[in-house]
Each structure stands twice: as structure tokens, then as C-alpha cells.
Amino acid sequence: RDSVASRGLGDVYKRQIYSYIQTDYEQDGYNDAMCNSDIQYKESKKKIINNGLKMLFEQVRLRYESDIRDINVQIDIVETQGLTSSSMSLKARKETYNEHLKKIKEMEDALDVGESKMMSMIDSYERGFLKGVAAKSESFIR
């Protein structure tokens, strides 16, 4: 991989994760409630949304781990050739990737304990579902 593209990978991964967390599922929740307002259905859908983020974490972690293995190979090659500055640059990138992996682990742990900063996609679905239930109930009253 070329070094410019490799340097930007961390940004791509972070954008994917933050984009998922910030996805607004309110309309989905509303639509689901209008079709099926069963509480078990709602809980099942919230679990699907939550698991989608967990799978994204796993995909990103696997990609970082693969990139780190590739960097280790490159470090060995450039050190064998005596290219100290290239080795230092690769080691710095490896350290950055390790920091990103640590942050992903912290985010996963926060998701597992339900920290609010990690739950916006679930909260938006819940909000929409409740609005849908209310709208459906109102239509029966009329």
C-alpha cells in the first residue's frame, strides 16, 4: 500500500465508527412501531443495531491488526537494509494504529456497559418507536 493511503486509514475507520454511532434511527423506529408495536420486536431491533456496531468494531480491529502485521514485515525489511529513518516512520505509524486499537477497545467496553455516548443510535430508534406507538394509539382513539 502506498504510504499516503495507509496514513489515512485510521481516519477512514474512525469515520465509519462515528458515522454508525451517530446514525439517526428515529424514522426506522417510528415505521417499525406503526407495523409492529410489540415490545419484543423493539428490543430485538435494538439488539440488531447494537450488534451492527459490534461487527463494525470487529471489522476495524481485524483491519488494524492486519495493517500492523504488514508494518512489522516492512520494519524488518527496512531495518535489514539499514534504513533507520524509514524504520522510525513505520514504528510511529504502528504506534498510532495501536493507540487506535486501544480506543476501539474502550469504545467497545463503553458500548457493553451502555454508556450514553455510545447509545445515540439506540436512543434515536427508541424515540422513534415511542412516537410511532403514540401515533398508532392516537389513530385508534379517533
C-alpha atoms as a PDB file:
ATOM      1  CA  ARG A   1       0.000   0.000   0.000  1.00  0.00           C
ATOM      2  CA  ASP A   2       1.227   3.474  -0.624  1.00  0.00           C
ATOM      3  CA  SER A   3       2.137   5.446   2.466  1.00  0.00           C
ATOM      4  CA  VAL A   4      -0.306   8.308   1.871  1.00  0.00           C
ATOM      5  CA  ALA A   5      -3.240   5.888   1.696  1.00  0.00           C
ATOM      6  CA  SER A   6      -2.007   3.959   4.727  1.00  0.00           C
ATOM      7  CA  ARG A   7      -1.755   7.110   6.828  1.00  0.00           C
ATOM      8  CA  GLY A   8      -5.380   7.942   6.068  1.00  0.00           C
ATOM      9  CA  LEU A   9      -6.765   4.530   7.001  1.00  0.00           C
ATOM     10  CA  GLY A  10      -7.197   5.452  10.658  1.00  0.00           C
ATOM     11  CA  ASP A  11      -9.359   8.406   9.655  1.00  0.00           C
ATOM     12  CA  VAL A  12     -11.495   6.187   7.430  1.00  0.00           C
ATOM     13  CA  TYR A  13     -12.004   3.677  10.230  1.00  0.00           C
ATOM     14  CA  LYS A  14     -12.875   6.377  12.754  1.00  0.00           C
ATOM     15  CA  ARG A  15     -15.351   7.975  10.358  1.00  0.00           C
ATOM     16  CA  GLN A  16     -17.063   4.611   9.817  1.00  0.00           C
ATOM     17  CA  ILE A  17     -17.475   4.034  13.554  1.00  0.00           C
ATOM     18  CA  TYR A  18     -18.587   7.558  14.442  1.00  0.00           C
ATOM     19  CA  SER A  19     -20.948   7.636  11.470  1.00  0.00           C
ATOM     20  CA  TYR A  20     -22.604   4.430  12.665  1.00  0.00           C
ATOM     21  CA  ILE A  21     -22.935   5.706  16.231  1.00  0.00           C
ATOM     22  CA  GLN A  22     -24.458   8.971  15.007  1.00  0.00           C
ATOM     23  CA  THR A  23     -26.906   7.315  12.592  1.00  0.00           C
ATOM     24  CA  ASP A  24     -30.438   8.507  13.266  1.00  0.00           C
ATOM     25  CA  TYR A  25     -32.765   5.512  13.529  1.00  0.00           C
ATOM     26  CA  GLU A  26     -35.757   7.557  14.657  1.00  0.00           C
ATOM     27  CA  GLN A  27     -37.689   7.134  11.403  1.00  0.00           C
ATOM     28  CA  ASP A  28     -36.927   3.396  11.405  1.00  0.00           C
ATOM     29  CA  GLY A  29     -38.258   3.137  14.946  1.00  0.00           C
ATOM     30  CA  TYR A  30     -41.380   5.072  14.037  1.00  0.00           C
ATOM     31  CA  ASN A  31     -42.044   2.933  10.963  1.00  0.00           C
ATOM     32  CA  ASP A  32     -41.448  -0.279  12.907  1.00  0.00           C
ATOM     33  CA  ALA A  33     -43.896   0.757  15.635  1.00  0.00           C
ATOM     34  CA  MET A  34     -46.553   1.542  13.044  1.00  0.00           C
ATOM     35  CA  CYS A  35     -46.202  -2.008  11.647  1.00  0.00           C
ATOM     36  CA  ASN A  36     -45.474  -3.930  14.828  1.00  0.00           C
ATOM     37  CA  SER A  37     -45.576  -2.232  18.229  1.00  0.00           C
ATOM     38  CA  ASP A  38     -44.621  -5.375  20.138  1.00  0.00           C
ATOM     39  CA  ILE A  39     -42.002  -4.676  22.819  1.00  0.00           C
ATOM     40  CA  GLN A  40     -40.072  -7.854  21.953  1.00  0.00           C
ATOM     41  CA  TYR A  41     -39.803  -6.677  18.364  1.00  0.00           C
ATOM     42  CA  LYS A  42     -38.456  -3.327  19.517  1.00  0.00           C
ATOM     43  CA  GLU A  43     -35.880  -4.959  21.792  1.00  0.00           C
ATOM     44  CA  SER A  44     -34.840  -7.319  19.010  1.00  0.00           C
ATOM     45  CA  LYS A  45     -34.312  -4.412  16.614  1.00  0.00           C
ATOM     46  CA  LYS A  46     -32.253  -2.507  19.207  1.00  0.00           C
ATOM     47  CA  LYS A  47     -30.072  -5.592  19.612  1.00  0.00           C
ATOM     48  CA  ILE A  48     -29.587  -5.761  15.823  1.00  0.00           C
ATOM     49  CA  ILE A  49     -28.487  -2.112  15.752  1.00  0.00           C
ATOM     50  CA  ASN A  50     -26.141  -2.710  18.692  1.00  0.00           C
ATOM     51  CA  ASN A  51     -24.673  -5.832  17.084  1.00  0.00           C
ATOM     52  CA  GLY A  52     -24.091  -3.904  13.858  1.00  0.00           C
ATOM     53  CA  LEU A  53     -21.744  -1.608  15.759  1.00  0.00           C
ATOM     54  CA  LYS A  54     -20.020  -4.574  17.392  1.00  0.00           C
ATOM     55  CA  MET A  55     -19.445  -6.118  13.967  1.00  0.00           C
ATOM     56  CA  LEU A  56     -18.041  -2.822  12.719  1.00  0.00           C
ATOM     57  CA  PHE A  57     -15.647  -2.751  15.682  1.00  0.00           C
ATOM     58  CA  GLU A  58     -14.555  -6.284  14.803  1.00  0.00           C
ATOM     59  CA  GLN A  59     -14.012  -5.427  11.119  1.00  0.00           C
ATOM     60  CA  VAL A  60     -11.970  -2.360  12.000  1.00  0.00           C
ATOM     61  CA  ARG A  61      -9.940  -4.220  14.626  1.00  0.00           C
ATOM     62  CA  LEU A  62      -9.124  -7.012  12.159  1.00  0.00           C
ATOM     63  CA  ARG A  63      -8.053  -4.466   9.572  1.00  0.00           C
ATOM     64  CA  TYR A  64      -5.783  -2.657  12.039  1.00  0.00           C
ATOM     65  CA  GLU A  65      -4.254  -5.946  13.167  1.00  0.00           C
ATOM     66  CA  SER A  66      -3.583  -6.878   9.546  1.00  0.00           C
ATOM     67  CA  ASP A  67      -2.041  -3.463   8.888  1.00  0.00           C
ATOM     68  CA  ILE A  68       0.168  -3.833  11.970  1.00  0.00           C
ATOM     69  CA  ARG A  69       1.401  -7.233  10.748  1.00  0.00           C
ATOM     70  CA  ASP A  70       2.205  -5.650   7.362  1.00  0.00           C
ATOM     71  CA  ILE A  71       4.051  -2.808   9.093  1.00  0.00           C
ATOM     72  CA  ASN A  72       6.069  -5.302  11.162  1.00  0.00           C
ATOM     73  CA  VAL A  73       7.194  -7.021   7.958  1.00  0.00           C
ATOM     74  CA  GLN A  74       8.163  -3.670   6.436  1.00  0.00           C
ATOM     75  CA  ILE A  75      10.060  -2.710   9.595  1.00  0.00           C
ATOM     76  CA  ASP A  76      12.082  -5.925   9.365  1.00  0.00           C
ATOM     77  CA  ILE A  77      12.829  -5.272   5.688  1.00  0.00           C
ATOM     78  CA  VAL A  78      13.972  -1.669   6.118  1.00  0.00           C
ATOM     79  CA  GLU A  79      15.985  -2.467   9.247  1.00  0.00           C
ATOM     80  CA  THR A  80      17.764  -5.246   7.361  1.00  0.00           C
ATOM     81  CA  GLN A  81      18.634  -2.645   4.724  1.00  0.00           C
ATOM     82  CA  GLY A  82      19.818  -0.205   7.393  1.00  0.00           C
ATOM     83  CA  LEU A  83      17.116   2.369   6.632  1.00  0.00           C
ATOM     84  CA  THR A  84      16.719   3.813  10.111  1.00  0.00           C
ATOM     85  CA  SER A  85      14.510   6.774   9.197  1.00  0.00           C
ATOM     86  CA  SER A  86      12.065   4.523   7.341  1.00  0.00           C
ATOM     87  CA  SER A  87      12.020   2.173  10.306  1.00  0.00           C
ATOM     88  CA  MET A  88      11.247   5.024  12.712  1.00  0.00           C
ATOM     89  CA  SER A  89       8.439   6.249  10.472  1.00  0.00           C
ATOM     90  CA  LEU A  90       6.897   2.780  10.291  1.00  0.00           C
ATOM     91  CA  LYS A  91       7.218   2.331  14.047  1.00  0.00           C
ATOM     92  CA  ALA A  92       5.439   5.640  14.604  1.00  0.00           C
ATOM     93  CA  ARG A  93       2.577   4.547  12.338  1.00  0.00           C
ATOM     94  CA  LYS A  94       2.419   1.209  14.166  1.00  0.00           C
ATOM     95  CA  GLU A  95       2.167   3.055  17.482  1.00  0.00           C
ATOM     96  CA  THR A  96      -0.659   5.205  16.104  1.00  0.00           C
ATOM     97  CA  TYR A  97      -2.534   2.086  14.992  1.00  0.00           C
ATOM     98  CA  ASN A  98      -2.034   0.517  18.412  1.00  0.00           C
ATOM     99  CA  GLU A  99      -3.465   3.682  20.004  1.00  0.00           C
ATOM    100  CA  HIS A 100      -6.474   3.422  17.685  1.00  0.00           C
ATOM    101  CA  LEU A 101      -6.959  -0.213  18.688  1.00  0.00           C
ATOM    102  CA  LYS A 102      -6.891   0.819  22.337  1.00  0.00           C
ATOM    103  CA  LYS A 103      -9.532   3.480  21.662  1.00  0.00           C
ATOM    104  CA  ILE A 104     -11.717   0.949  19.841  1.00  0.00           C
ATOM    105  CA  LYS A 105     -11.466  -1.371  22.857  1.00  0.00           C
ATOM    106  CA  GLU A 106     -12.521   1.497  25.148  1.00  0.00           C
ATOM    107  CA  MET A 107     -15.481   2.232  22.874  1.00  0.00           C
ATOM    108  CA  GLU A 108     -16.485  -1.443  22.840  1.00  0.00           C
ATOM    109  CA  ASP A 109     -16.344  -1.555  26.620  1.00  0.00           C
ATOM    110  CA  ALA A 110     -18.428   1.632  26.813  1.00  0.00           C
ATOM    111  CA  LEU A 111     -20.998   0.081  24.461  1.00  0.00           C
ATOM    112  CA  ASP A 112     -21.132  -3.091  26.557  1.00  0.00           C
ATOM    113  CA  VAL A 113     -21.982  -1.130  29.707  1.00  0.00           C
ATOM    114  CA  GLY A 114     -24.418   1.161  27.864  1.00  0.00           C
ATOM    115  CA  GLU A 115     -22.597   4.481  28.235  1.00  0.00           C
ATOM    116  CA  SER A 116     -24.800   7.199  26.754  1.00  0.00           C
ATOM    117  CA  LYS A 117     -22.112   8.450  24.335  1.00  0.00           C
ATOM    118  CA  MET A 118     -22.263   5.068  22.604  1.00  0.00           C
ATOM    119  CA  MET A 119     -26.036   4.712  22.580  1.00  0.00           C
ATOM    120  CA  SER A 120     -27.276   7.554  20.365  1.00  0.00           C
ATOM    121  CA  MET A 121     -28.330   5.180  17.577  1.00  0.00           C
ATOM    122  CA  ILE A 122     -30.310   3.071  20.079  1.00  0.00           C
ATOM    123  CA  ASP A 123     -31.787   6.185  21.700  1.00  0.00           C
ATOM    124  CA  SER A 124     -32.955   7.541  18.347  1.00  0.00           C
ATOM    125  CA  TYR A 125     -34.598   4.214  17.485  1.00  0.00           C
ATOM    126  CA  GLU A 126     -36.314   4.099  20.881  1.00  0.00           C
ATOM    127  CA  ARG A 127     -37.533   7.684  20.483  1.00  0.00           C
ATOM    128  CA  GLY A 128     -38.952   6.938  17.045  1.00  0.00           C
ATOM    129  CA  PHE A 129     -40.570   3.734  18.226  1.00  0.00           C
ATOM    130  CA  LEU A 130     -42.300   5.530  21.080  1.00  0.00           C
ATOM    131  CA  LYS A 131     -43.530   8.235  18.704  1.00  0.00           C
ATOM    132  CA  GLY A 132     -44.844   5.515  16.400  1.00  0.00           C
ATOM    133  CA  VAL A 133     -46.670   3.765  19.234  1.00  0.00           C
ATOM    134  CA  ALA A 134     -48.203   7.073  20.287  1.00  0.00           C
ATOM    135  CA  ALA A 135     -49.293   7.871  16.721  1.00  0.00           C
ATOM    136  CA  LYS A 136     -50.750   4.394  16.273  1.00  0.00           C
ATOM    137  CA  SER A 137     -52.650   4.662  19.569  1.00  0.00           C
ATOM    138  CA  GLU A 138     -53.974   8.088  18.611  1.00  0.00           C
ATOM    139  CA  SER A 139     -55.294   6.733  15.317  1.00  0.00           C
ATOM    140  CA  PHE A 140     -57.293   4.100  17.235  1.00  0.00           C
ATOM    141  CA  ILE A 141     -58.781   6.744  19.532  1.00  0.00           C
ATOM    142  CA  ARG A 142     -60.097   8.825  16.633  1.00  0.00           C
END
